[in-house]
Amino acid sequence: MDTDRRLDLTIRRLEGQAEAEACARMMSASEPWVTLQRGYEESLRLLGDPQREVYLAVEQGALAGFLVLLMHGAFTGYIQTVCVAPAMRNRGVGGRLLDFAEERILRDSPNVFLCVSSFNPAARRLYQRRGYQTVGELTDFIVAGHHEILMRKTIGPLRGFRKGS
């Protein structure tokens, strides 16, 4: 668990169906997921997938945002989703979720991966400012006419990396 005094923000694991449903509603009503056509049911399935780690940012008992991580597979340390409640945007919640994700991932992997949609240049600039570099582009990956830009932040190669160091 992580607490940010400036926002009175707590980051913790998702707990239960009601929280998953609230996150699915938030995601399915927000960009980039509206354009990517990820509806409520698909969002809820993603949040309930036991292969994913889901963390909530909570401020004074209210859902401020959440994040979904994949810690297994081809891109170990993949930030699949960062979603911030509309009322909490531009207050540092997304940055705190990214800080938390990076800290969590870098305990187990020297690389943090994420994708940003081609129609979301503000998010891409944010990731670049935070040290992410573009490593590829997935043309028409989720929906036709839009690309996903694969980005990576690294502290070194896989070879020689020791978990927990």
Protein backbone atom coordinates (compact mmCIF):
# COMPACT_ATOMS: atom_id res chain seq x y z
CA MET A 1 0.00 0.00 0.00
CA ASP A 2 1.20 3.51 -0.83
CA THR A 3 -0.01 6.83 0.56
CA ASP A 4 0.55 10.29 -0.95
CA ARG A 5 0.11 13.04 1.65
CA ARG A 6 -0.49 15.84 -0.89
CA LEU A 7 -3.61 14.16 -2.23
CA ASP A 8 -4.42 11.96 0.73
CA LEU A 9 -4.20 9.22 -1.89
CA THR A 10 -3.96 5.54 -1.06
CA ILE A 11 -3.00 2.96 -3.68
CA ARG A 12 -4.09 -0.59 -2.93
CA ARG A 13 -5.24 -3.81 -4.60
CA LEU A 14 -8.72 -4.05 -6.08
CA GLU A 15 -11.13 -5.60 -3.56
CA GLY A 16 -14.31 -7.22 -4.79
CA GLN A 17 -16.91 -7.08 -7.51
CA ALA A 18 -18.35 -3.67 -6.63
CA GLU A 19 -14.94 -2.02 -7.06
CA ALA A 20 -14.35 -3.88 -10.32
CA GLU A 21 -17.73 -2.69 -11.60
CA ALA A 22 -16.95 0.93 -10.66
CA CYS A 23 -13.61 0.70 -12.50
CA ALA A 24 -15.26 -0.88 -15.55
CA ARG A 25 -17.83 1.93 -15.68
CA MET A 26 -15.09 4.55 -15.43
CA MET A 27 -12.95 2.91 -18.12
CA SER A 28 -15.74 2.27 -20.61
CA ALA A 29 -16.87 5.92 -20.39
CA SER A 30 -13.37 7.41 -20.81
CA GLU A 31 -10.88 7.98 -23.58
CA PRO A 32 -8.94 6.24 -24.99
CA TRP A 33 -11.24 3.27 -24.34
CA VAL A 34 -14.28 4.86 -25.99
CA THR A 35 -12.37 5.22 -29.27
CA LEU A 36 -10.82 1.78 -28.80
CA GLN A 37 -14.35 0.39 -28.36
CA ARG A 38 -13.71 -1.29 -25.02
CA GLY A 39 -17.15 -1.44 -23.46
CA TYR A 40 -18.26 -2.16 -19.93
CA GLU A 41 -18.43 -5.97 -20.22
CA GLU A 42 -14.97 -6.25 -21.80
CA SER A 43 -13.55 -3.85 -19.20
CA LEU A 44 -15.09 -5.89 -16.39
CA ARG A 45 -13.61 -9.13 -17.81
CA LEU A 46 -10.18 -7.52 -18.01
CA LEU A 47 -10.40 -6.33 -14.40
CA GLY A 48 -11.40 -9.80 -13.23
CA ASP A 49 -8.62 -11.64 -15.06
CA PRO A 50 -6.44 -13.36 -12.43
CA GLN A 51 -3.37 -12.87 -14.67
CA ARG A 52 -3.59 -9.12 -14.08
CA GLU A 53 -2.78 -7.04 -11.03
CA VAL A 54 -5.30 -4.25 -10.48
CA TYR A 55 -4.56 -1.38 -8.10
CA LEU A 56 -6.93 1.40 -7.05
CA ALA A 57 -6.08 4.98 -6.15
CA VAL A 58 -8.51 6.06 -3.46
CA GLU A 59 -8.86 9.54 -1.99
CA GLN A 60 -11.02 9.96 1.10
CA GLY A 61 -12.90 6.76 0.29
CA ALA A 62 -13.63 7.71 -3.34
CA LEU A 63 -12.19 6.01 -6.41
CA ALA A 64 -9.68 8.44 -7.93
CA GLY A 65 -8.29 6.06 -10.55
CA PHE A 66 -6.80 2.65 -11.12
CA LEU A 67 -4.13 0.77 -12.96
CA VAL A 68 -3.82 -2.69 -14.53
CA LEU A 69 -0.46 -4.48 -14.75
CA LEU A 70 0.66 -7.64 -16.52
CA MET A 71 3.62 -9.25 -14.80
CA HIS A 72 3.79 -12.39 -16.99
CA GLY A 73 4.22 -13.02 -20.69
CA ALA A 74 6.29 -11.60 -23.49
CA PHE A 75 6.41 -8.11 -21.99
CA THR A 76 6.77 -8.71 -18.26
CA GLY A 77 6.10 -5.40 -16.60
CA TYR A 78 3.42 -4.12 -18.95
CA ILE A 79 1.21 -1.26 -17.78
CA GLN A 80 -2.00 -2.16 -19.59
CA THR A 81 -4.26 0.53 -18.18
CA VAL A 82 -3.99 3.82 -16.32
CA CYS A 83 -7.41 5.37 -15.77
CA VAL A 84 -8.14 8.50 -13.72
CA ALA A 85 -11.61 9.63 -12.66
CA PRO A 86 -12.67 12.76 -14.58
CA ALA A 87 -12.95 14.85 -11.40
CA MET A 88 -9.42 13.83 -10.37
CA ARG A 89 -7.58 14.61 -13.61
CA ASN A 90 -4.72 17.12 -13.60
CA ARG A 91 -4.20 16.63 -9.87
CA GLY A 92 -1.30 14.18 -10.03
CA VAL A 93 -3.28 10.94 -9.67
CA GLY A 94 -2.01 9.52 -12.98
CA GLY A 95 1.57 10.36 -12.05
CA ARG A 96 1.21 8.67 -8.67
CA LEU A 97 -0.26 5.58 -10.35
CA LEU A 98 2.68 5.52 -12.77
CA ASP A 99 5.17 5.93 -9.91
CA PHE A 100 3.52 3.04 -8.10
CA ALA A 101 3.48 0.87 -11.25
CA GLU A 102 7.13 1.54 -12.01
CA GLU A 103 8.19 0.77 -8.45
CA ARG A 104 6.17 -2.48 -8.49
CA ILE A 105 7.46 -3.58 -11.90
CA LEU A 106 11.12 -2.67 -11.37
CA ARG A 107 11.28 -5.02 -8.37
CA ASP A 108 10.73 -7.95 -10.78
CA SER A 109 11.90 -6.69 -14.18
CA PRO A 110 14.34 -4.08 -15.50
CA ASN A 111 11.78 -2.93 -18.08
CA VAL A 112 8.45 -1.14 -17.93
CA PHE A 113 6.32 -1.33 -21.07
CA LEU A 114 3.14 0.45 -22.06
CA CYS A 115 1.21 1.33 -25.19
CA VAL A 116 -0.23 4.73 -25.97
CA SER A 117 -2.79 5.31 -28.70
CA SER A 118 -1.78 7.39 -31.70
CA PHE A 119 -4.73 9.72 -31.08
CA ASN A 120 -3.48 10.51 -27.55
CA PRO A 121 -0.44 12.79 -28.09
CA ALA A 122 -0.70 14.41 -24.63
CA ALA A 123 -0.26 11.01 -22.94
CA ARG A 124 2.64 10.20 -25.26
CA ARG A 125 4.39 13.46 -24.29
CA LEU A 126 3.83 12.66 -20.60
CA TYR A 127 5.42 9.24 -20.99
CA GLN A 128 8.36 10.71 -22.91
CA ARG A 129 8.93 13.28 -20.13
CA ARG A 130 8.97 10.39 -17.67
CA GLY A 131 11.75 8.61 -19.58
CA TYR A 132 9.81 6.25 -21.84
CA GLN A 133 11.14 5.71 -25.34
CA THR A 134 9.23 4.55 -28.39
CA VAL A 135 10.27 1.03 -29.37
CA GLY A 136 7.64 0.24 -31.98
CA GLU A 137 4.31 0.99 -33.55
CA LEU A 138 1.47 -1.48 -33.89
CA THR A 139 -0.54 -0.35 -36.91
CA ASP A 140 -4.32 -0.87 -36.71
CA PHE A 141 -3.70 -3.01 -33.62
CA ILE A 142 -6.96 -2.54 -31.71
CA VAL A 143 -9.17 -0.59 -34.10
CA ALA A 144 -8.71 0.35 -37.74
CA GLY A 145 -7.19 3.75 -38.37
CA HIS A 146 -5.46 4.05 -35.01
CA HIS A 147 -2.09 2.73 -33.93
CA GLU A 148 -0.67 1.71 -30.59
CA ILE A 149 2.79 3.03 -29.85
CA LEU A 150 4.84 0.64 -27.71
CA MET A 151 7.04 2.45 -25.21
CA ARG A 152 9.67 1.23 -22.78
CA LYS A 153 11.43 2.59 -19.73
CA THR A 154 14.43 0.58 -18.61
CA ILE A 155 17.05 0.38 -15.90
CA GLY A 156 19.12 -2.17 -17.86
CA PRO A 157 19.07 -5.41 -19.81
CA LEU A 158 17.32 -8.60 -18.69
CA ARG A 159 20.63 -10.48 -18.56
CA GLY A 160 22.15 -9.87 -15.16
CA PHE A 161 19.01 -8.35 -13.60
CA ARG A 162 18.25 -9.67 -10.10
CA LYS A 163 14.72 -9.46 -8.75
CA GLY A 164 14.32 -7.27 -5.72
CA SER A 165 17.57 -5.40 -6.32
